[in-house]
Amino acid sequence: SVVLAGPALHKATAAARRLGDRARGVGLDATSHAAVSAAVSGADIV
């Protein structure tokens, strides 16, 4: 399953919707240590 992450949640969600049920979008500020840490902890590969 893929998680599409980027600063604009609506863009991430729209892109994931076009890929199907195994994709989802999340909002993520890649410069935020706390946000990135939480996102990475829930993934197997980045």
All heavy atoms as atom14 arrays in JSON, in Angstrom:
{
  "sequence": "SVVLAGPALHKATAAARRLGDRARGVGLDATSHAAVSAAVSGADIV",
  "atom14_mask": [
    [1, 1, 1, 1, 1, 1, 0, 0, 0, 0, 0, 0, 0, 0],
    [1, 1, 1, 1, 1, 1, 1, 0, 0, 0, 0, 0, 0, 0],
    [1, 1, 1, 1, 1, 1, 1, 0, 0, 0, 0, 0, 0, 0],
    [1, 1, 1, 1, 1, 1, 1, 1, 0, 0, 0, 0, 0, 0],
    [1, 1, 1, 1, 1, 0, 0, 0, 0, 0, 0, 0, 0, 0],
    [1, 1, 1, 1, 0, 0, 0, 0, 0, 0, 0, 0, 0, 0],
    [1, 1, 1, 1, 1, 1, 1, 0, 0, 0, 0, 0, 0, 0],
    [1, 1, 1, 1, 1, 0, 0, 0, 0, 0, 0, 0, 0, 0],
    [1, 1, 1, 1, 1, 1, 1, 1, 0, 0, 0, 0, 0, 0],
    [1, 1, 1, 1, 1, 1, 1, 1, 1, 1, 0, 0, 0, 0],
    [1, 1, 1, 1, 1, 1, 1, 1, 1, 0, 0, 0, 0, 0],
    [1, 1, 1, 1, 1, 0, 0, 0, 0, 0, 0, 0, 0, 0],
    [1, 1, 1, 1, 1, 1, 1, 0, 0, 0, 0, 0, 0, 0],
    [1, 1, 1, 1, 1, 0, 0, 0, 0, 0, 0, 0, 0, 0],
    [1, 1, 1, 1, 1, 0, 0, 0, 0, 0, 0, 0, 0, 0],
    [1, 1, 1, 1, 1, 0, 0, 0, 0, 0, 0, 0, 0, 0],
    [1, 1, 1, 1, 1, 1, 1, 1, 1, 1, 1, 0, 0, 0],
    [1, 1, 1, 1, 1, 1, 1, 1, 1, 1, 1, 0, 0, 0],
    [1, 1, 1, 1, 1, 1, 1, 1, 0, 0, 0, 0, 0, 0],
    [1, 1, 1, 1, 0, 0, 0, 0, 0, 0, 0, 0, 0, 0],
    [1, 1, 1, 1, 1, 1, 1, 1, 0, 0, 0, 0, 0, 0],
    [1, 1, 1, 1, 1, 1, 1, 1, 1, 1, 1, 0, 0, 0],
    [1, 1, 1, 1, 1, 0, 0, 0, 0, 0, 0, 0, 0, 0],
    [1, 1, 1, 1, 1, 1, 1, 1, 1, 1, 1, 0, 0, 0],
    [1, 1, 1, 1, 0, 0, 0, 0, 0, 0, 0, 0, 0, 0],
    [1, 1, 1, 1, 1, 1, 1, 0, 0, 0, 0, 0, 0, 0],
    [1, 1, 1, 1, 0, 0, 0, 0, 0, 0, 0, 0, 0, 0],
    [1, 1, 1, 1, 1, 1, 1, 1, 0, 0, 0, 0, 0, 0],
    [1, 1, 1, 1, 1, 1, 1, 1, 0, 0, 0, 0, 0, 0],
    [1, 1, 1, 1, 1, 0, 0, 0, 0, 0, 0, 0, 0, 0],
    [1, 1, 1, 1, 1, 1, 1, 0, 0, 0, 0, 0, 0, 0],
    [1, 1, 1, 1, 1, 1, 0, 0, 0, 0, 0, 0, 0, 0],
    [1, 1, 1, 1, 1, 1, 1, 1, 1, 1, 0, 0, 0, 0],
    [1, 1, 1, 1, 1, 0, 0, 0, 0, 0, 0, 0, 0, 0],
    [1, 1, 1, 1, 1, 0, 0, 0, 0, 0, 0, 0, 0, 0],
    [1, 1, 1, 1, 1, 1, 1, 0, 0, 0, 0, 0, 0, 0],
    [1, 1, 1, 1, 1, 1, 0, 0, 0, 0, 0, 0, 0, 0],
    [1, 1, 1, 1, 1, 0, 0, 0, 0, 0, 0, 0, 0, 0],
    [1, 1, 1, 1, 1, 0, 0, 0, 0, 0, 0, 0, 0, 0],
    [1, 1, 1, 1, 1, 1, 1, 0, 0, 0, 0, 0, 0, 0],
    [1, 1, 1, 1, 1, 1, 0, 0, 0, 0, 0, 0, 0, 0],
    [1, 1, 1, 1, 0, 0, 0, 0, 0, 0, 0, 0, 0, 0],
    [1, 1, 1, 1, 1, 0, 0, 0, 0, 0, 0, 0, 0, 0],
    [1, 1, 1, 1, 1, 1, 1, 1, 0, 0, 0, 0, 0, 0],
    [1, 1, 1, 1, 1, 1, 1, 1, 0, 0, 0, 0, 0, 0],
    [1, 1, 1, 1, 1, 1, 1, 0, 0, 0, 0, 0, 0, 0]
  ],
  "atom14_positions": [
    [[0.87, -1.18, 0.0], [0.0, 0.0, 0.0], [0.9, 1.22, 0.0], [2.02, 1.17, 0.51], [-0.92, 0.01, 1.23], [-0.14, 0.04, 2.42], [0.0, 0.0, 0.0], [0.0, 0.0, 0.0], [0.0, 0.0, 0.0], [0.0, 0.0, 0.0], [0.0, 0.0, 0.0], [0.0, 0.0, 0.0], [0.0, 0.0, 0.0], [0.0, 0.0, 0.0]],
    [[0.44, 2.3, -0.61], [1.26, 3.5, -0.7], [0.58, 4.65, 0.02], [-0.65, 4.78, -0.02], [1.57, 3.89, -2.16], [2.35, 2.78, -2.86], [0.31, 4.22, -2.93], [0.0, 0.0, 0.0], [0.0, 0.0, 0.0], [0.0, 0.0, 0.0], [0.0, 0.0, 0.0], [0.0, 0.0, 0.0], [0.0, 0.0, 0.0], [0.0, 0.0, 0.0]],
    [[1.4, 5.46, 0.66], [0.93, 6.67, 1.31], [1.58, 7.84, 0.59], [2.81, 7.98, 0.6], [1.31, 6.69, 2.81], [0.83, 7.99, 3.46], [0.73, 5.48, 3.53], [0.0, 0.0, 0.0], [0.0, 0.0, 0.0], [0.0, 0.0, 0.0], [0.0, 0.0, 0.0], [0.0, 0.0, 0.0], [0.0, 0.0, 0.0], [0.0, 0.0, 0.0]],
    [[0.77, 8.67, -0.06], [1.28, 9.83, -0.76], [1.24, 11.01, 0.2], [0.17, 11.41, 0.66], [0.42, 10.13, -1.99], [0.2, 8.99, -2.98], [-0.58, 9.48, -4.19], [1.52, 8.37, -3.4], [0.0, 0.0, 0.0], [0.0, 0.0, 0.0], [0.0, 0.0, 0.0], [0.0, 0.0, 0.0], [0.0, 0.0, 0.0], [0.0, 0.0, 0.0]],
    [[2.42, 11.56, 0.47], [2.52, 12.63, 1.47], [3.05, 13.9, 0.84], [3.98, 13.87, 0.02], [3.44, 12.19, 2.62], [0.0, 0.0, 0.0], [0.0, 0.0, 0.0], [0.0, 0.0, 0.0], [0.0, 0.0, 0.0], [0.0, 0.0, 0.0], [0.0, 0.0, 0.0], [0.0, 0.0, 0.0], [0.0, 0.0, 0.0], [0.0, 0.0, 0.0]],
    [[2.47, 15.01, 1.25], [2.93, 16.32, 0.77], [2.23, 17.4, 1.56], [1.3, 17.14, 2.33], [0.0, 0.0, 0.0], [0.0, 0.0, 0.0], [0.0, 0.0, 0.0], [0.0, 0.0, 0.0], [0.0, 0.0, 0.0], [0.0, 0.0, 0.0], [0.0, 0.0, 0.0], [0.0, 0.0, 0.0], [0.0, 0.0, 0.0], [0.0, 0.0, 0.0]],
    [[2.66, 18.65, 1.41], [2.11, 19.73, 2.23], [0.63, 20.02, 1.99], [-0.06, 20.52, 2.88], [2.98, 20.94, 1.86], [3.6, 20.6, 0.54], [3.75, 19.11, 0.54], [0.0, 0.0, 0.0], [0.0, 0.0, 0.0], [0.0, 0.0, 0.0], [0.0, 0.0, 0.0], [0.0, 0.0, 0.0], [0.0, 0.0, 0.0], [0.0, 0.0, 0.0]],
    [[0.12, 19.74, 0.79], [-1.28, 20.02, 0.46], [-2.1, 18.73, 0.57], [-2.02, 17.87, -0.3], [-1.39, 20.62, -0.94], [0.0, 0.0, 0.0], [0.0, 0.0, 0.0], [0.0, 0.0, 0.0], [0.0, 0.0, 0.0], [0.0, 0.0, 0.0], [0.0, 0.0, 0.0], [0.0, 0.0, 0.0], [0.0, 0.0, 0.0], [0.0, 0.0, 0.0]],
    [[-2.88, 18.62, 1.63], [-3.65, 17.4, 1.86], [-4.61, 17.11, 0.73], [-4.76, 15.95, 0.31], [-4.42, 17.51, 3.18], [-5.4, 16.37, 3.5], [-4.66, 15.03, 3.59], [-6.15, 16.66, 4.8], [0.0, 0.0, 0.0], [0.0, 0.0, 0.0], [0.0, 0.0, 0.0], [0.0, 0.0, 0.0], [0.0, 0.0, 0.0], [0.0, 0.0, 0.0]],
    [[-5.27, 18.13, 0.18], [-6.25, 17.89, -0.87], [-5.6, 17.35, -2.13], [-6.18, 16.5, -2.82], [-7.03, 19.17, -1.18], [-6.22, 20.26, -1.82], [-5.31, 21.03, -1.11], [-6.15, 20.69, -3.11], [-4.75, 21.9, -1.93], [-5.23, 21.71, -3.15], [0.0, 0.0, 0.0], [0.0, 0.0, 0.0], [0.0, 0.0, 0.0], [0.0, 0.0, 0.0]],
    [[-4.37, 17.79, -2.42], [-3.67, 17.25, -3.59], [-3.24, 15.81, -3.35], [-3.33, 14.97, -4.25], [-2.45, 18.11, -3.91], [-2.78, 19.51, -4.42], [-1.51, 20.26, -4.79], [-1.83, 21.65, -5.31], [-0.59, 22.4, -5.67], [0.0, 0.0, 0.0], [0.0, 0.0, 0.0], [0.0, 0.0, 0.0], [0.0, 0.0, 0.0], [0.0, 0.0, 0.0]],
    [[-2.76, 15.51, -2.14], [-2.36, 14.14, -1.82], [-3.55, 13.2, -1.87], [-3.46, 12.09, -2.41], [-1.72, 14.11, -0.43], [0.0, 0.0, 0.0], [0.0, 0.0, 0.0], [0.0, 0.0, 0.0], [0.0, 0.0, 0.0], [0.0, 0.0, 0.0], [0.0, 0.0, 0.0], [0.0, 0.0, 0.0], [0.0, 0.0, 0.0], [0.0, 0.0, 0.0]],
    [[-4.69, 13.64, -1.35], [-5.88, 12.81, -1.34], [-6.4, 12.58, -2.76], [-6.8, 11.45, -3.11], [-6.99, 13.48, -0.49], [-6.49, 13.68, 0.84], [-8.23, 12.62, -0.44], [0.0, 0.0, 0.0], [0.0, 0.0, 0.0], [0.0, 0.0, 0.0], [0.0, 0.0, 0.0], [0.0, 0.0, 0.0], [0.0, 0.0, 0.0], [0.0, 0.0, 0.0]],
    [[-6.39, 13.62, -3.57], [-6.87, 13.48, -4.96], [-5.99, 12.53, -5.75], [-6.48, 11.7, -6.52], [-6.93, 14.86, -5.62], [0.0, 0.0, 0.0], [0.0, 0.0, 0.0], [0.0, 0.0, 0.0], [0.0, 0.0, 0.0], [0.0, 0.0, 0.0], [0.0, 0.0, 0.0], [0.0, 0.0, 0.0], [0.0, 0.0, 0.0], [0.0, 0.0, 0.0]],
    [[-4.67, 12.65, -5.58], [-3.74, 11.77, -6.3], [-3.93, 10.32, -5.85], [-3.9, 9.39, -6.67], [-2.3, 12.21, -6.06], [0.0, 0.0, 0.0], [0.0, 0.0, 0.0], [0.0, 0.0, 0.0], [0.0, 0.0, 0.0], [0.0, 0.0, 0.0], [0.0, 0.0, 0.0], [0.0, 0.0, 0.0], [0.0, 0.0, 0.0], [0.0, 0.0, 0.0]],
    [[-4.12, 10.11, -4.55], [-4.32, 8.75, -4.04], [-5.62, 8.15, -4.55], [-5.69, 6.96, -4.87], [-4.3, 8.78, -2.51], [0.0, 0.0, 0.0], [0.0, 0.0, 0.0], [0.0, 0.0, 0.0], [0.0, 0.0, 0.0], [0.0, 0.0, 0.0], [0.0, 0.0, 0.0], [0.0, 0.0, 0.0], [0.0, 0.0, 0.0], [0.0, 0.0, 0.0]],
    [[-6.65, 8.97, -4.64], [-7.94, 8.47, -5.11], [-7.84, 7.92, -6.52], [-8.47, 6.92, -6.87], [-8.97, 9.6, -5.05], [-10.4, 9.14, -5.32], [-11.38, 10.32, -5.26], [-11.32, 10.98, -3.96], [-10.93, 12.26, -3.78], [-10.57, 12.98, -4.82], [-10.92, 12.79, -2.58], [0.0, 0.0, 0.0], [0.0, 0.0, 0.0], [0.0, 0.0, 0.0]],
    [[-7.02, 8.56, -7.35], [-6.86, 8.1, -8.73], [-6.1, 6.78, -8.81], [-6.18, 6.08, -9.82], [-6.15, 9.17, -9.56], [-7.0, 10.4, -9.83], [-6.34, 11.33, -10.85], [-5.18, 11.99, -10.32], [-5.21, 13.16, -9.7], [-6.36, 13.8, -9.51], [-4.09, 13.72, -9.26], [0.0, 0.0, 0.0], [0.0, 0.0, 0.0], [0.0, 0.0, 0.0]],
    [[-5.37, 6.42, -7.76], [-4.58, 5.19, -7.77], [-5.35, 3.98, -7.26], [-4.93, 2.84, -7.46], [-3.3, 5.38, -6.93], [-2.25, 6.32, -7.51], [-1.15, 6.57, -6.49], [-1.66, 5.75, -8.79], [0.0, 0.0, 0.0], [0.0, 0.0, 0.0], [0.0, 0.0, 0.0], [0.0, 0.0, 0.0], [0.0, 0.0, 0.0], [0.0, 0.0, 0.0]],
    [[-6.46, 4.22, -6.54], [-7.26, 3.09, -6.08], [-7.21, 2.86, -4.59], [-6.68, 3.66, -3.81], [0.0, 0.0, 0.0], [0.0, 0.0, 0.0], [0.0, 0.0, 0.0], [0.0, 0.0, 0.0], [0.0, 0.0, 0.0], [0.0, 0.0, 0.0], [0.0, 0.0, 0.0], [0.0, 0.0, 0.0], [0.0, 0.0, 0.0], [0.0, 0.0, 0.0]],
    [[-7.75, 1.7, -4.18], [-7.96, 1.42, -2.77], [-6.68, 1.22, -1.97], [-6.69, 1.33, -0.74], [-8.82, 0.15, -2.61], [-10.23, 0.35, -3.15], [-10.65, 1.52, -3.27], [-10.89, -0.67, -3.46], [0.0, 0.0, 0.0], [0.0, 0.0, 0.0], [0.0, 0.0, 0.0], [0.0, 0.0, 0.0], [0.0, 0.0, 0.0], [0.0, 0.0, 0.0]],
    [[-5.57, 0.88, -2.64], [-4.33, 0.64, -1.9], [-3.49, 1.9, -1.72], [-2.33, 1.82, -1.29], [-3.5, -0.44, -2.59], [-4.13, -1.84, -2.48], [-3.15, -2.91, -2.92], [-2.93, -2.92, -4.35], [-1.75, -3.08, -4.94], [-0.66, -3.23, -4.2], [-1.64, -3.1, -6.25], [0.0, 0.0, 0.0], [0.0, 0.0, 0.0], [0.0, 0.0, 0.0]],
    [[-4.06, 3.04, -2.0], [-3.34, 4.3, -1.85], [-4.16, 5.26, -0.99], [-5.39, 5.26, -1.03], [-3.07, 4.93, -3.21], [0.0, 0.0, 0.0], [0.0, 0.0, 0.0], [0.0, 0.0, 0.0], [0.0, 0.0, 0.0], [0.0, 0.0, 0.0], [0.0, 0.0, 0.0], [0.0, 0.0, 0.0], [0.0, 0.0, 0.0], [0.0, 0.0, 0.0]],
    [[-3.46, 6.04, -0.2], [-4.13, 7.1, 0.55], [-3.2, 8.31, 0.63], [-1.97, 8.18, 0.5], [-4.52, 6.64, 1.97], [-3.37, 6.29, 2.88], [-3.88, 5.74, 4.2], [-2.79, 5.32, 5.08], [-2.21, 6.12, 5.98], [-2.63, 7.39, 6.13], [-1.24, 5.68, 6.75], [0.0, 0.0, 0.0], [0.0, 0.0, 0.0], [0.0, 0.0, 0.0]],
    [[-3.79, 9.46, 0.81], [-3.0, 10.69, 0.87], [-3.0, 11.28, 2.26], [-4.0, 11.19, 2.99], [0.0, 0.0, 0.0], [0.0, 0.0, 0.0], [0.0, 0.0, 0.0], [0.0, 0.0, 0.0], [0.0, 0.0, 0.0], [0.0, 0.0, 0.0], [0.0, 0.0, 0.0], [0.0, 0.0, 0.0], [0.0, 0.0, 0.0], [0.0, 0.0, 0.0]],
    [[-1.88, 11.89, 2.64], [-1.78, 12.56, 3.93], [-1.07, 13.89, 3.74], [-0.23, 14.05, 2.83], [-1.01, 11.71, 4.98], [-1.71, 10.39, 5.22], [0.43, 11.49, 4.54], [0.0, 0.0, 0.0], [0.0, 0.0, 0.0], [0.0, 0.0, 0.0], [0.0, 0.0, 0.0], [0.0, 0.0, 0.0], [0.0, 0.0, 0.0], [0.0, 0.0, 0.0]],
    [[-1.41, 14.84, 4.58], [-0.7, 16.11, 4.59], [0.58, 15.98, 5.41], [0.56, 15.37, 6.49], [0.0, 0.0, 0.0], [0.0, 0.0, 0.0], [0.0, 0.0, 0.0], [0.0, 0.0, 0.0], [0.0, 0.0, 0.0], [0.0, 0.0, 0.0], [0.0, 0.0, 0.0], [0.0, 0.0, 0.0], [0.0, 0.0, 0.0], [0.0, 0.0, 0.0]],
    [[1.69, 16.49, 4.89], [2.96, 16.37, 5.6], [3.88, 17.53, 5.27], [4.16, 17.79, 4.1], [3.66, 15.05, 5.23], [5.03, 14.82, 5.89], [4.88, 14.66, 7.4], [5.72, 13.6, 5.29], [0.0, 0.0, 0.0], [0.0, 0.0, 0.0], [0.0, 0.0, 0.0], [0.0, 0.0, 0.0], [0.0, 0.0, 0.0], [0.0, 0.0, 0.0]],
    [[4.35, 18.19, 6.32], [5.39, 19.21, 6.18], [6.73, 18.5, 6.37], [7.08, 18.09, 7.47], [5.2, 20.29, 7.25], [6.32, 21.34, 7.23], [7.22, 21.25, 6.36], [6.29, 22.24, 8.1], [0.0, 0.0, 0.0], [0.0, 0.0, 0.0], [0.0, 0.0, 0.0], [0.0, 0.0, 0.0], [0.0, 0.0, 0.0], [0.0, 0.0, 0.0]],
    [[7.48, 18.35, 5.29], [8.72, 17.57, 5.33], [9.82, 18.24, 6.14], [10.86, 17.62, 6.39], [9.22, 17.29, 3.91], [0.0, 0.0, 0.0], [0.0, 0.0, 0.0], [0.0, 0.0, 0.0], [0.0, 0.0, 0.0], [0.0, 0.0, 0.0], [0.0, 0.0, 0.0], [0.0, 0.0, 0.0], [0.0, 0.0, 0.0], [0.0, 0.0, 0.0]],
    [[9.6, 19.48, 6.57], [10.6, 20.15, 7.41], [10.27, 20.04, 8.89], [11.04, 20.5, 9.74], [10.72, 21.64, 7.03], [9.49, 22.31, 7.32], [11.04, 21.79, 5.55], [0.0, 0.0, 0.0], [0.0, 0.0, 0.0], [0.0, 0.0, 0.0], [0.0, 0.0, 0.0], [0.0, 0.0, 0.0], [0.0, 0.0, 0.0], [0.0, 0.0, 0.0]],
    [[9.12, 19.44, 9.22], [8.71, 19.28, 10.61], [9.24, 17.96, 11.16], [8.84, 16.89, 10.71], [7.19, 19.31, 10.73], [6.76, 18.88, 12.01], [0.0, 0.0, 0.0], [0.0, 0.0, 0.0], [0.0, 0.0, 0.0], [0.0, 0.0, 0.0], [0.0, 0.0, 0.0], [0.0, 0.0, 0.0], [0.0, 0.0, 0.0], [0.0, 0.0, 0.0]],
    [[10.13, 18.03, 12.15], [10.73, 16.82, 12.71], [9.66, 15.89, 13.3], [9.69, 14.68, 13.08], [11.76, 17.19, 13.79], [12.96, 17.9, 13.24], [14.06, 17.24, 12.77], [13.21, 19.22, 13.09], [14.96, 18.12, 12.35], [14.47, 19.33, 12.53], [0.0, 0.0, 0.0], [0.0, 0.0, 0.0], [0.0, 0.0, 0.0], [0.0, 0.0, 0.0]],
    [[8.71, 16.47, 14.05], [7.68, 15.65, 14.7], [6.78, 14.98, 13.67], [6.48, 13.79, 13.76], [6.85, 16.51, 15.66], [0.0, 0.0, 0.0], [0.0, 0.0, 0.0], [0.0, 0.0, 0.0], [0.0, 0.0, 0.0], [0.0, 0.0, 0.0], [0.0, 0.0, 0.0], [0.0, 0.0, 0.0], [0.0, 0.0, 0.0], [0.0, 0.0, 0.0]],
    [[6.34, 15.75, 12.66], [5.44, 15.2, 11.66], [6.12, 14.13, 10.81], [5.54, 13.08, 10.52], [4.91, 16.32, 10.76], [0.0, 0.0, 0.0], [0.0, 0.0, 0.0], [0.0, 0.0, 0.0], [0.0, 0.0, 0.0], [0.0, 0.0, 0.0], [0.0, 0.0, 0.0], [0.0, 0.0, 0.0], [0.0, 0.0, 0.0], [0.0, 0.0, 0.0]],
    [[7.36, 14.39, 10.44], [8.09, 13.41, 9.62], [8.35, 12.14, 10.43], [8.21, 11.03, 9.92], [9.41, 14.01, 9.1], [10.31, 12.94, 8.49], [9.12, 15.1, 8.07], [0.0, 0.0, 0.0], [0.0, 0.0, 0.0], [0.0, 0.0, 0.0], [0.0, 0.0, 0.0], [0.0, 0.0, 0.0], [0.0, 0.0, 0.0], [0.0, 0.0, 0.0]],
    [[8.73, 12.31, 11.68], [9.0, 11.15, 12.53], [7.77, 10.27, 12.65], [7.84, 9.04, 12.56], [9.46, 11.61, 13.92], [9.72, 10.5, 14.76], [0.0, 0.0, 0.0], [0.0, 0.0, 0.0], [0.0, 0.0, 0.0], [0.0, 0.0, 0.0], [0.0, 0.0, 0.0], [0.0, 0.0, 0.0], [0.0, 0.0, 0.0], [0.0, 0.0, 0.0]],
    [[6.61, 10.88, 12.84], [5.37, 10.11, 12.97], [5.04, 9.39, 11.67], [4.63, 8.22, 11.68], [4.22, 11.04, 13.36], [0.0, 0.0, 0.0], [0.0, 0.0, 0.0], [0.0, 0.0, 0.0], [0.0, 0.0, 0.0], [0.0, 0.0, 0.0], [0.0, 0.0, 0.0], [0.0, 0.0, 0.0], [0.0, 0.0, 0.0], [0.0, 0.0, 0.0]],
    [[5.23, 10.07, 10.55], [4.92, 9.45, 9.26], [5.86, 8.29, 8.95], [5.44, 7.23, 8.49], [4.99, 10.5, 8.15], [0.0, 0.0, 0.0], [0.0, 0.0, 0.0], [0.0, 0.0, 0.0], [0.0, 0.0, 0.0], [0.0, 0.0, 0.0], [0.0, 0.0, 0.0], [0.0, 0.0, 0.0], [0.0, 0.0, 0.0], [0.0, 0.0, 0.0]],
    [[7.14, 8.49, 9.22], [8.14, 7.45, 8.95], [7.92, 6.23, 9.83], [8.08, 5.08, 9.38], [9.56, 8.02, 9.12], [10.61, 6.89, 9.13], [9.88, 9.02, 8.02], [0.0, 0.0, 0.0], [0.0, 0.0, 0.0], [0.0, 0.0, 0.0], [0.0, 0.0, 0.0], [0.0, 0.0, 0.0], [0.0, 0.0, 0.0], [0.0, 0.0, 0.0]],
    [[7.54, 6.46, 11.08], [7.35, 5.33, 12.0], [6.25, 4.39, 11.54], [6.25, 3.2, 11.89], [7.04, 5.85, 13.41], [5.75, 6.48, 13.44], [0.0, 0.0, 0.0], [0.0, 0.0, 0.0], [0.0, 0.0, 0.0], [0.0, 0.0, 0.0], [0.0, 0.0, 0.0], [0.0, 0.0, 0.0], [0.0, 0.0, 0.0], [0.0, 0.0, 0.0]],
    [[5.3, 4.89, 10.77], [4.2, 4.05, 10.31], [4.44, 3.4, 8.96], [3.53, 2.77, 8.42], [0.0, 0.0, 0.0], [0.0, 0.0, 0.0], [0.0, 0.0, 0.0], [0.0, 0.0, 0.0], [0.0, 0.0, 0.0], [0.0, 0.0, 0.0], [0.0, 0.0, 0.0], [0.0, 0.0, 0.0], [0.0, 0.0, 0.0], [0.0, 0.0, 0.0]],
    [[5.64, 3.56, 8.42], [5.95, 3.0, 7.09], [7.02, 1.93, 7.2], [7.75, 1.85, 8.2], [6.41, 4.11, 6.15], [0.0, 0.0, 0.0], [0.0, 0.0, 0.0], [0.0, 0.0, 0.0], [0.0, 0.0, 0.0], [0.0, 0.0, 0.0], [0.0, 0.0, 0.0], [0.0, 0.0, 0.0], [0.0, 0.0, 0.0], [0.0, 0.0, 0.0]],
    [[7.12, 1.11, 6.17], [8.19, 0.11, 6.1], [9.36, 0.6, 5.25], [10.51, 0.29, 5.53], [7.65, -1.2, 5.51], [6.59, -1.82, 6.39], [6.9, -2.16, 7.54], [5.43, -1.94, 5.93], [0.0, 0.0, 0.0], [0.0, 0.0, 0.0], [0.0, 0.0, 0.0], [0.0, 0.0, 0.0], [0.0, 0.0, 0.0], [0.0, 0.0, 0.0]],
    [[9.07, 1.37, 4.21], [10.08, 1.91, 3.32], [9.67, 3.34, 2.96], [8.48, 3.62, 2.77], [10.22, 1.08, 2.03], [10.6, -0.36, 2.36], [11.25, 1.69, 1.08], [10.6, -1.29, 1.14], [0.0, 0.0, 0.0], [0.0, 0.0, 0.0], [0.0, 0.0, 0.0], [0.0, 0.0, 0.0], [0.0, 0.0, 0.0], [0.0, 0.0, 0.0]],
    [[10.66, 4.22, 2.87], [10.38, 5.63, 2.55], [11.04, 5.98, 1.22], [12.23, 5.72, 1.02], [10.92, 6.57, 3.65], [10.65, 8.03, 3.28], [10.29, 6.22, 5.0], [0.0, 0.0, 0.0], [0.0, 0.0, 0.0], [0.0, 0.0, 0.0], [0.0, 0.0, 0.0], [0.0, 0.0, 0.0], [0.0, 0.0, 0.0], [0.0, 0.0, 0.0]]
  ]
}
